[in-house]
Structure formats: C-alpha cells, structure tokens
Protein backbone atom coordinates (compact mmCIF):
# COMPACT_ATOMS: atom_id res chain seq x y z
CA MET A 1 -113.11 8.86 23.25
CA ASN A 2 -113.21 7.93 19.57
CA ARG A 3 -111.18 5.26 17.83
CA ARG A 4 -108.60 7.73 16.48
CA ASP A 5 -107.88 9.11 19.96
CA LEU A 6 -107.46 5.58 21.28
CA ILE A 7 -104.91 4.79 18.56
CA PHE A 8 -102.87 7.94 19.34
CA LEU A 9 -103.04 7.13 23.08
CA ALA A 10 -101.81 3.60 22.46
CA ILE A 11 -98.93 4.86 20.31
CA SER A 12 -97.97 7.43 22.97
CA VAL A 13 -98.01 4.82 25.75
CA ALA A 14 -95.91 2.46 23.63
CA LEU A 15 -93.33 5.13 22.83
CA HIS A 16 -93.04 6.28 26.45
CA GLY A 17 -92.77 2.67 27.59
CA ALA A 18 -89.99 2.04 25.07
CA LEU A 19 -88.18 5.17 26.26
CA VAL A 20 -88.41 4.06 29.91
CA ALA A 21 -87.20 0.58 28.97
CA LEU A 22 -84.26 2.12 27.10
CA PHE A 23 -83.21 4.20 30.12
CA LEU A 24 -83.58 1.19 32.42
CA THR A 25 -81.21 -0.83 30.24
CA LEU A 26 -78.63 1.93 29.81
CA PRO A 27 -75.59 1.95 32.17
CA LEU A 28 -76.32 5.24 33.97
CA SER A 29 -73.63 4.83 36.62
CA LEU A 30 -69.98 5.38 35.79
CA PRO A 31 -67.74 2.29 35.64
CA ASP A 32 -66.57 1.22 39.09
CA GLU A 33 -62.90 0.83 38.21
CA PHE A 34 -61.27 3.18 40.69
CA GLU A 35 -60.75 2.49 44.38
CA PHE A 36 -58.47 4.56 46.56
CA ALA A 37 -57.12 4.07 50.06
CA LEU A 38 -54.85 5.99 52.39
CA PRO A 39 -51.44 4.65 53.41
CA VAL A 40 -51.19 2.40 56.45
CA GLU A 41 -47.62 3.48 57.23
CA VAL A 42 -47.34 7.26 57.03
CA GLN A 43 -44.02 8.91 56.18
CA PHE A 44 -43.73 12.30 54.51
CA GLY A 45 -41.33 11.62 51.65
CA ILE A 46 -40.94 10.36 48.08
CA VAL A 47 -40.77 6.98 46.31
CA GLU A 48 -37.06 6.43 46.93
CA GLU A 49 -34.94 8.04 49.64
CA ILE A 50 -32.60 10.78 48.41
CA GLU A 51 -29.55 12.10 50.21
CA ALA A 52 -28.94 15.83 49.74
CA GLU A 53 -25.92 17.85 50.75
CA PRO A 54 -26.63 19.87 53.93
CA GLU A 55 -25.83 23.30 52.51
CA PRO A 56 -27.68 26.56 53.27
CA LEU A 57 -30.75 27.19 51.16
CA PRO A 58 -29.76 29.75 48.48
CA GLU A 59 -31.62 32.99 48.12
CA PRO A 60 -34.26 33.00 45.36
CA GLU A 61 -33.55 34.84 42.12
CA PRO A 62 -33.82 38.63 42.55
CA GLU A 63 -37.08 40.11 41.36
CA ALA A 64 -39.13 43.28 41.56
CA PRO A 65 -39.43 44.78 45.07
CA PRO A 66 -42.24 43.18 47.10
CA LYS A 67 -45.53 44.91 47.58
CA PRO A 68 -46.04 46.97 50.76
CA LYS A 69 -46.16 45.11 54.00
CA LYS A 70 -49.80 45.99 54.66
CA PRO A 71 -51.67 46.12 51.35
CA ARG A 72 -55.13 47.66 51.60
CA GLY A 73 -57.98 45.24 51.20
CA PRO A 74 -58.36 41.57 51.98
CA ALA A 75 -54.70 40.55 52.01
CA LEU A 76 -54.40 41.15 55.74
CA ALA A 77 -58.05 40.72 56.57
CA SER A 78 -58.98 38.25 59.25
CA SER A 79 -59.69 34.86 57.72
CA ASP A 80 -63.11 34.71 59.34
CA GLY A 81 -63.99 38.34 58.64
CA ASP A 82 -64.07 39.41 62.30
CA GLU A 83 -62.23 42.46 63.54
CA THR A 84 -62.18 41.59 67.23
CA GLU A 85 -59.35 42.90 69.35
CA ALA A 86 -56.84 40.22 70.29
CA PRO A 87 -56.36 39.51 74.00
CA GLU A 88 -53.30 40.92 75.73
CA PRO A 89 -50.40 38.48 75.22
CA LYS A 90 -49.52 36.41 78.26
CA PRO A 91 -45.98 35.37 79.05
CA GLU A 92 -45.36 32.50 76.71
CA GLU A 93 -45.58 28.99 78.09
CA ARG A 94 -43.23 27.78 75.40
CA ARG A 95 -43.96 24.42 73.94
CA PRO A 96 -40.68 22.62 73.33
CA VAL A 97 -39.56 23.34 69.78
CA GLU A 98 -37.87 20.22 68.50
CA LYS A 99 -34.69 21.01 66.61
CA ALA A 100 -35.33 20.26 62.95
CA SER A 101 -33.22 17.52 61.45
CA GLU A 102 -30.39 18.61 59.17
CA PRO A 103 -31.82 19.33 55.71
CA SER A 104 -29.84 16.51 54.10
CA ARG A 105 -32.34 13.75 53.39
CA ILE A 106 -35.71 13.15 51.74
CA PRO A 107 -36.97 9.89 53.28
CA ALA A 108 -38.76 7.15 51.38
CA GLY A 109 -42.48 7.67 51.79
CA SER A 110 -45.42 9.30 50.08
CA HIS A 111 -47.26 12.59 49.84
CA ILE A 112 -49.88 14.55 47.94
CA ALA A 113 -48.90 18.15 47.14
CA LEU A 114 -51.08 20.98 45.86
CA ARG A 115 -49.31 24.07 44.47
CA ILE A 116 -51.19 27.21 43.44
CA ASP A 117 -49.98 30.37 41.72
CA MET A 118 -52.28 32.89 43.41
CA THR A 119 -51.12 35.68 41.11
CA ARG A 120 -52.54 33.79 38.12
CA VAL A 121 -55.70 32.96 40.08
CA ARG A 122 -56.29 36.63 40.88
CA GLU A 123 -55.83 37.59 37.21
CA SER A 124 -57.78 34.68 35.70
CA ARG A 125 -61.04 34.85 33.74
CA LEU A 126 -62.14 32.00 36.03
CA SER A 127 -61.11 33.86 39.19
CA ALA A 128 -64.55 33.68 40.85
CA ALA A 129 -64.89 29.90 40.41
CA ALA A 130 -61.25 29.30 41.40
CA ARG A 131 -61.56 31.49 44.52
CA LYS A 132 -64.68 29.60 45.58
CA LEU A 133 -62.90 26.25 45.19
CA ILE A 134 -59.74 27.33 47.03
CA ARG A 135 -61.77 28.67 49.97
CA GLN A 136 -63.48 25.27 50.26
CA ILE A 137 -60.12 23.64 51.09
CA PRO A 138 -60.10 23.64 54.91
CA ASP A 139 -56.36 23.25 55.51
CA TRP A 140 -55.37 26.92 55.36
CA HIS A 141 -58.15 27.97 57.74
CA LEU A 142 -57.35 25.18 60.23
CA ILE A 143 -53.61 25.88 60.29
CA ALA A 144 -53.33 29.59 59.44
CA GLY A 145 -56.76 30.96 60.30
CA GLY A 146 -56.33 33.98 62.57
CA SER A 147 -52.92 34.88 61.13
CA GLY A 148 -54.34 37.85 59.25
CA ILE A 149 -53.12 36.57 55.86
CA ASP A 150 -55.76 35.78 53.27
CA PRO A 151 -54.63 32.74 51.23
CA ILE A 152 -55.66 34.21 47.87
CA ASP A 153 -54.98 37.95 48.18
CA GLY A 154 -52.16 37.75 50.73
CA LEU A 155 -50.00 35.17 48.92
CA ASP A 156 -48.36 34.88 45.51
CA ARG A 157 -47.70 31.12 45.81
CA LEU A 158 -49.06 28.40 48.12
CA LEU A 159 -48.09 24.78 48.80
CA ILE A 160 -50.24 22.37 50.82
CA ALA A 161 -48.76 18.87 51.24
CA THR A 162 -49.48 15.82 53.37
CA PRO A 163 -48.85 12.07 53.34
CA ASP A 164 -52.35 11.43 54.74
CA PRO A 165 -55.24 13.91 54.21
CA ARG A 166 -57.04 12.47 57.25
CA ARG A 167 -54.24 13.59 59.59
CA ARG A 168 -54.31 17.35 60.18
CA ASP A 169 -51.18 17.03 62.31
CA LEU A 170 -49.16 15.94 59.25
CA ILE A 171 -50.11 18.80 56.91
CA VAL A 172 -47.35 21.19 55.87
CA LEU A 173 -47.81 24.63 54.31
CA ALA A 174 -45.35 26.78 52.40
CA GLY A 175 -45.96 30.09 50.74
CA LYS A 176 -44.65 33.26 49.20
CA SER A 177 -46.34 36.32 50.69
CA VAL A 178 -47.15 39.55 48.89
CA GLY A 179 -45.10 41.30 51.58
CA ASP A 180 -41.64 40.82 53.03
CA ARG A 181 -40.20 39.05 56.09
CA SER A 182 -41.82 41.55 58.45
CA MET A 183 -45.27 40.61 57.13
CA ILE A 184 -44.53 36.93 57.87
CA ARG A 185 -43.28 37.74 61.39
CA GLU A 186 -46.37 39.87 62.00
CA ALA A 187 -48.63 36.97 60.94
CA ALA A 188 -46.91 34.63 63.43
CA GLU A 189 -47.22 37.23 66.19
CA THR A 190 -50.88 37.89 65.31
CA ILE A 191 -51.94 34.24 65.51
CA ALA A 192 -50.00 33.84 68.78
CA ALA A 193 -51.58 36.98 70.27
CA SER A 194 -55.07 35.74 69.31
CA GLN A 195 -54.45 32.90 71.79
CA GLY A 196 -52.85 35.07 74.42
CA ARG A 197 -49.29 34.06 73.53
CA ALA A 198 -46.08 35.89 72.67
CA ILE A 199 -43.33 34.45 70.49
CA GLU A 200 -39.71 35.10 69.60
CA PHE A 201 -37.94 34.08 66.40
CA ARG A 202 -34.67 32.17 66.78
CA ARG A 203 -32.17 31.13 64.13
CA GLU A 204 -31.68 27.35 63.84
CA ASN A 205 -30.16 25.37 60.97
CA GLY A 206 -29.69 28.58 59.03
CA VAL A 207 -33.32 29.77 59.10
CA GLU A 208 -35.43 31.93 61.42
CA GLN A 209 -37.97 29.83 63.35
CA ALA A 210 -40.69 30.39 65.91
CA PRO A 211 -43.58 28.39 67.37
CA TRP A 212 -46.77 28.54 65.29
CA TYR A 213 -49.96 28.51 67.37
CA SER A 214 -52.67 27.28 65.00
CA LEU A 215 -56.29 26.55 65.90
CA ASP A 216 -55.53 22.90 66.69
CA PRO A 217 -53.08 21.75 69.40
CA THR A 218 -50.51 20.28 66.97
CA GLU A 219 -46.94 21.43 67.60
CA ARG A 220 -45.77 23.39 64.58
CA VAL A 221 -43.06 25.88 63.69
CA ILE A 222 -42.96 28.68 61.15
CA ALA A 223 -39.66 29.12 59.33
CA ILE A 224 -38.73 32.14 57.21
CA VAL A 225 -36.84 30.51 54.34
CA GLY A 226 -36.57 33.43 51.90
CA PRO A 227 -37.23 37.17 51.51
CA GLN A 228 -40.98 36.55 51.14
CA HIS A 229 -41.06 32.80 51.81
CA PHE A 230 -42.16 30.68 54.77
CA THR A 231 -43.01 27.13 55.78
CA ILE A 232 -45.41 25.98 58.52
CA SER A 233 -44.87 22.38 59.56
CA PRO A 234 -44.26 19.95 62.40
CA PRO A 235 -40.67 20.63 63.54
CA GLY A 236 -39.34 17.33 62.21
CA ALA A 237 -40.66 18.00 58.68
CA LEU A 238 -38.73 21.24 58.16
CA GLY A 239 -35.51 19.49 57.14
CA THR A 240 -37.39 17.41 54.57
CA LEU A 241 -38.97 20.54 53.07
CA LEU A 242 -35.59 22.27 52.73
CA ALA A 243 -34.12 19.16 51.10
CA MET A 244 -37.08 19.02 48.70
CA ALA A 245 -36.43 22.62 47.68
CA ARG A 246 -32.83 21.81 46.73
CA HIS A 247 -33.89 18.58 44.97
CA ARG A 248 -36.49 20.44 42.85
CA GLU A 249 -33.91 23.11 42.04
CA ARG A 250 -31.56 20.46 40.59
CA THR A 251 -34.22 18.43 38.74
CA ALA A 252 -36.35 21.29 37.36
CA GLN A 253 -35.51 20.60 33.72
CA ASP A 254 -36.14 16.83 34.00
CA GLU A 255 -39.47 17.44 35.76
CA GLY A 256 -40.61 20.14 33.32
CA LEU A 257 -40.62 22.82 36.03
CA GLU A 258 -39.71 26.49 35.82
CA ARG A 259 -36.13 27.35 36.70
CA ALA A 260 -36.10 28.48 40.33
CA ARG A 261 -33.64 28.81 43.20
CA GLY A 262 -33.95 28.34 46.93
CA ALA A 263 -37.38 28.66 48.47
CA ASP A 264 -38.90 29.47 45.07
CA ALA A 265 -38.00 25.92 43.96
CA LEU A 266 -40.18 24.43 46.70
CA LEU A 267 -43.14 26.34 45.22
CA SER A 268 -42.20 25.89 41.57
CA LEU A 269 -44.72 25.03 38.86
CA GLY A 270 -44.41 24.32 35.15
CA GLU A 271 -44.48 27.08 32.56
CA ASP A 272 -47.73 29.10 32.67
CA GLU A 273 -49.30 26.69 35.21
CA ALA A 274 -51.82 28.04 37.70
CA ILE A 275 -52.35 24.85 39.74
CA SER A 276 -50.52 21.54 40.03
CA ILE A 277 -51.13 18.35 42.01
CA GLU A 278 -48.26 15.91 42.55
CA VAL A 279 -48.61 12.43 44.07
CA GLU A 280 -45.51 10.57 45.24
CA ASN A 281 -45.80 6.79 45.69
CA VAL A 282 -49.17 6.30 43.97
CA PRO A 283 -49.40 2.59 45.02
CA SER A 284 -49.81 3.68 48.65
CA TYR A 285 -53.03 5.52 47.70
CA ALA A 286 -54.50 3.41 44.84
CA ARG A 287 -56.10 0.13 45.84
CA ARG A 288 -57.54 -0.53 42.38
CA LEU A 289 -57.15 1.22 39.01
CA PRO A 290 -58.29 0.12 35.54
CA CYS A 291 -54.67 0.38 34.30
CA PRO A 292 -51.20 -0.43 35.67
CA VAL A 293 -50.47 1.62 38.80
CA PRO A 294 -47.65 4.18 38.31
CA GLU A 295 -44.99 5.13 40.85
CA LYS A 296 -45.91 8.81 40.83
CA GLY A 297 -48.13 11.25 38.99
CA ARG A 298 -48.56 14.93 38.27
CA ALA A 299 -51.45 17.00 36.90
CA SER A 300 -51.60 20.72 36.13
CA ILE A 301 -54.02 23.40 34.95
CA ARG A 302 -53.13 26.24 32.57
CA GLU A 303 -55.37 28.99 31.27
CA THR A 304 -55.32 29.35 27.47
CA ALA A 305 -56.78 31.90 25.06
CA SER A 306 -59.83 29.70 24.45
CA GLY A 307 -60.26 27.95 27.78
CA VAL A 308 -58.25 25.72 30.11
CA ALA A 309 -55.66 23.02 29.42
CA ILE A 310 -55.30 20.09 31.82
CA ASP A 311 -52.07 18.11 31.46
CA ALA A 312 -51.30 14.96 33.43
CA ALA A 313 -48.33 12.61 33.49
CA VAL A 314 -47.89 9.27 35.25
CA PHE A 315 -44.44 7.75 35.68
CA TYR A 316 -43.49 4.06 35.71
CA ALA A 317 -40.33 2.28 36.79
CA GLU A 318 -40.04 0.56 33.40
CA GLY A 319 -40.97 1.44 29.83
CA ASP A 320 -42.99 -1.79 29.37
CA GLY A 321 -45.37 -0.75 32.13
CA ALA A 322 -45.82 2.66 30.54
CA SER A 323 -46.52 1.11 27.10
CA GLU A 324 -49.22 -1.15 28.52
CA ALA A 325 -50.67 1.75 30.51
CA ALA A 326 -50.88 4.05 27.46
CA ALA A 327 -53.02 1.53 25.56
CA CYS A 328 -55.15 0.92 28.65
CA TRP A 329 -55.79 4.62 29.36
CA GLU A 330 -56.82 5.09 25.72
CA ARG A 331 -59.51 2.40 26.21
CA VAL A 332 -60.64 4.08 29.44
CA ARG A 333 -60.87 7.45 27.67
CA ALA A 334 -63.08 5.96 24.94
CA VAL A 335 -65.42 4.34 27.50
CA TYR A 336 -65.89 7.53 29.52
CA ALA A 337 -66.18 9.77 26.44
CA SER A 338 -69.15 7.73 25.18
CA HIS A 339 -70.86 7.39 28.57
CA LEU A 340 -74.35 8.90 28.78
CA LEU A 341 -73.76 10.82 32.03
CA VAL A 342 -70.51 12.32 30.73
CA ARG A 343 -72.34 13.41 27.59
CA LEU A 344 -75.24 14.86 29.57
CA VAL A 345 -72.94 17.12 31.64
CA GLY A 346 -71.24 18.32 28.45
CA LEU A 347 -67.78 16.81 29.00
CA GLY A 348 -67.98 14.21 26.22
CA PRO A 349 -66.42 16.47 23.54
CA ALA A 350 -63.50 17.27 25.85
CA LEU A 351 -62.72 13.56 26.28
CA ASP A 352 -63.20 12.98 22.55
CA GLY A 353 -60.35 15.41 21.92
CA ALA A 354 -58.10 14.21 24.76
CA ARG A 355 -54.60 13.08 23.75
CA ILE A 356 -52.77 10.15 25.36
CA GLU A 357 -49.10 9.75 24.45
CA LEU A 358 -46.32 7.39 25.48
CA ASP A 359 -43.09 9.18 26.45
CA GLN A 360 -40.40 6.62 27.34
CA SER A 361 -41.34 5.48 30.88
CA SER A 362 -44.27 7.89 31.32
CA VAL A 363 -47.76 8.40 29.90
CA ARG A 364 -48.92 11.95 29.19
CA ILE A 365 -52.58 12.94 28.98
CA SER A 366 -53.86 16.30 27.69
CA VAL A 367 -57.44 17.58 27.85
CA ALA A 368 -58.74 20.97 26.67
CA LEU A 369 -61.81 22.52 28.32
CA THR A 370 -63.86 25.57 27.46
CA ASP A 371 -64.41 28.15 30.19
CA VAL A 372 -67.93 26.77 30.74
CA GLN A 373 -66.63 23.20 31.11
CA ALA A 374 -63.83 24.39 33.42
CA ARG A 375 -66.35 26.11 35.71
CA GLN A 376 -68.38 22.88 35.77
CA VAL A 377 -65.33 20.87 36.79
CA LEU A 378 -64.32 23.40 39.49
CA ASP A 379 -67.86 23.35 40.91
CA LEU A 380 -67.93 19.53 40.90
CA VAL A 381 -64.57 19.34 42.69
CA GLY A 382 -65.67 21.95 45.24
CA ALA A 383 -68.91 20.06 45.93
CA GLN A 384 -66.95 16.85 46.44
CA ILE A 385 -64.56 18.57 48.89
CA ALA A 386 -67.51 20.02 50.83
CA ARG A 387 -69.20 16.60 50.97
CA LEU A 388 -66.08 14.82 52.18
CA THR A 389 -64.94 17.42 54.74
CA GLY A 390 -68.18 19.08 55.85
CA TYR A 391 -66.19 22.33 55.96
CA ARG A 392 -68.02 25.64 55.46
CA PRO A 393 -65.56 28.42 54.57
CA PRO A 394 -65.75 31.82 56.29
CA ARG A 395 -67.12 34.68 54.24
CA GLU A 396 -64.70 36.27 51.82
CA PRO A 397 -63.12 39.47 53.19
CA THR A 398 -64.35 42.74 51.70
CA PRO A 399 -61.76 45.31 50.56
CA GLU A 400 -61.70 48.53 52.55
CA PRO A 401 -62.61 51.59 50.43
CA ALA A 402 -59.91 54.14 49.76
CA ALA A 403 -60.23 57.49 51.51
CA ASP A 404 -61.51 59.22 48.38
CA GLU A 405 -64.01 56.37 47.83
CA ALA A 406 -65.33 56.27 51.38
CA PRO A 407 -69.08 56.95 51.63
CA ALA A 408 -69.98 60.41 52.88
CA LEU A 409 -71.78 60.77 56.19
CA GLU A 410 -75.50 61.28 55.85
CA ALA A 411 -76.81 64.67 56.87
CA PRO A 412 -78.79 64.59 60.12
C-alpha cells in the first residue's frame, strides 16, 4: 500500500469514527416525559356526577330507509370466517338479568371511549390501513364474535368504552347496524345459538333487552335503543349509557358535536370526523405528563382533500391552567419536531406545522398529515396494540359473488 492510499484510509477511518461518535452523543431515544397508569378505583362515569331526567330515550332523527336486513357480503359473515352449523339450541338456563338502574344519573368516574364512523372508513382512501387497525382491536371479537355482524361492513357507527382497558368485564359496546331491529335480534339469537342457548327479548325501562352470551362468561345484556341502534353492556351500565345519550344530545353544540337525537347522540362525532377518542377524568390515567394534567381530553381524525387532519383538545377546570399548558405543549411540540427519530420516520414536517391555541379553559392542537404519514401512524398504532394485547385478528371475511359473477363449473 503506497503513501497516498494510507492517507485516504486514515481520512476514511477518521470520518467514520467522527460519524459514530456523533451518533453516540445524539439523544436517539424519545424524551421520557409521559407515564400512564390505570385507575385504582374503577367507576364507569365522567369527571363530575350529572343528574338527568328519567325520560324515555327519543327516537333518532328520521333518515333514509335502512339497508336490507341481510346484505350480501361480509356484513353478516362470521367474525372468524367459519361457516360451521350452530348446535341445536338447548332450553335456556337463564342467567339472572339484573334490572338496569333508571337512566337518570351519570356517576362520577372515568372512561376512555372510541367512536368510529364505519361509513366513512369504508369510503376512505385509507380504508385498507384503517380496516387493518380496527381489526387489531380485540374488544369486538371478544364480546361480539360469533354474532354474525362484521364490525366494519355490518355497522355504520361503533362505540367501544371502558373505565379500565385491562378489565374485559367492564367494556361496553354500542352501535348502529346497517340493518334494522330484526338484524340486531338475529345477531343476539345467533351468538346464543352458537353456545346452545335460546333467548327472549323483554321490555324493561322502555327498551327491549335480552341476555348476551359472548365468548367470555361476563354477564351482559343487549338492548335495542333505536331503529338500528343497540348497546351491549353489563346490566348495571345500561342506565348510564342511556343518560349519556341524553347528556350528549343537550351539550352537542358546546362539545362541538353533530346535532343528534336519542341513540344517535350516544354515537355522535364532530363534523366530518371518522374517528374520535374521548378520555374522561384524565388524572386517573396520567401518572406523569410534561405539562399540567387536564380534566378531560378529546382527539379526532378527519380525512381532507390532501391527507388527514388530527384535532385534539384538552380541558382544564380553570383558564390559568390552560394558559400554562398551552405554552408548555408548544415547547413539547418543538422538542419532538426537532428530534432525530421523529425526523427519520418523516413526521418532523407534520409537527413543524402543528398549531397549538388557547381557547378559554381549553388547549386545542391541530396536526395535518399526508396520506403516507397517516398510513405510517395507523401502522405504528396497530403494531403497539398487537404488542400490548397479543391479539391476532381472524381473517377478513370475503364477499360472496353475485349469481351472475359466480364461477362456472369446470367441464369434466
């Protein structure tokens, strides 16, 4: 090796060494400023108890006639893709159905609620990524698997709520089916028959109710609360759900929600929203945050012409707390926007353009993502859910071909 080669080798080694030293000194891990916990005392409710008048739940606003009871394709496909014949129903050994409390009170407590507009999901440019993420959420399969209703193609709206995600026995579901009441009754009968049971709907507290035999042994009831609407919950939670529907109906304008009546109010989202997450009583879940802890929070996702808009709002008891939080969250945004890992995954520009605004006693945060960035975020969230739950979703049902599309028999 001549002298010139030795010089180039030395320069190369020095440059690579400097590059390694640079990476070793850079903060590659994200700041450890967030620590979450689950509530010690579990009560499905909101920050402050609310008394509601025990009146019948009004019918939702009239709309176009519902789709047929048995739409072709995956809407009524088995959630695990099997087409096995259900065993003959045995005489029902009825579990005692606790009479739901009068729908007049929302107790003080906490909960996390996920609401999804499945109609928008089905029509979205990001439908494939969104479908994959939704199917990675285990709650529908554990509670409604075997009912014959596919959560994406068989529903127009879905609510999943719980005060403690660790406790499957506390999860409540509510939905708006693509069919009518008969489709909901058929789903309850199907899941009961799959376990050799038979059920009968009874009217209590103004709504039709029947036992709901899910895959786990938790006592639950299904209630038909509207022309296409249902709830599945522990018996004692039904009254709280009905009271929440009336509360959301009255406070829709203050909360920035669409105007809705009756059972539609329980499933209501903001204008053009596809997904929302609401957290009541944030202090019961947040052990440590970089900024003042709010009382409650809400985040939503909307599809736009150029990508996806994520809007979040956190609410404080006093304006001073919100003012301090707005300045703090702006500092947090700047730190994360300039972080190497955030830049490497391509989300730095989105945080650069994020807006943080003070609005009286709340702080509002807006972030715009491109379709590519949105798919990245959906994949990251799905991977995190899979890691935390270990749940592997059943294969997605395949639509049945129409008669004129059915493959011809091969000639012998």
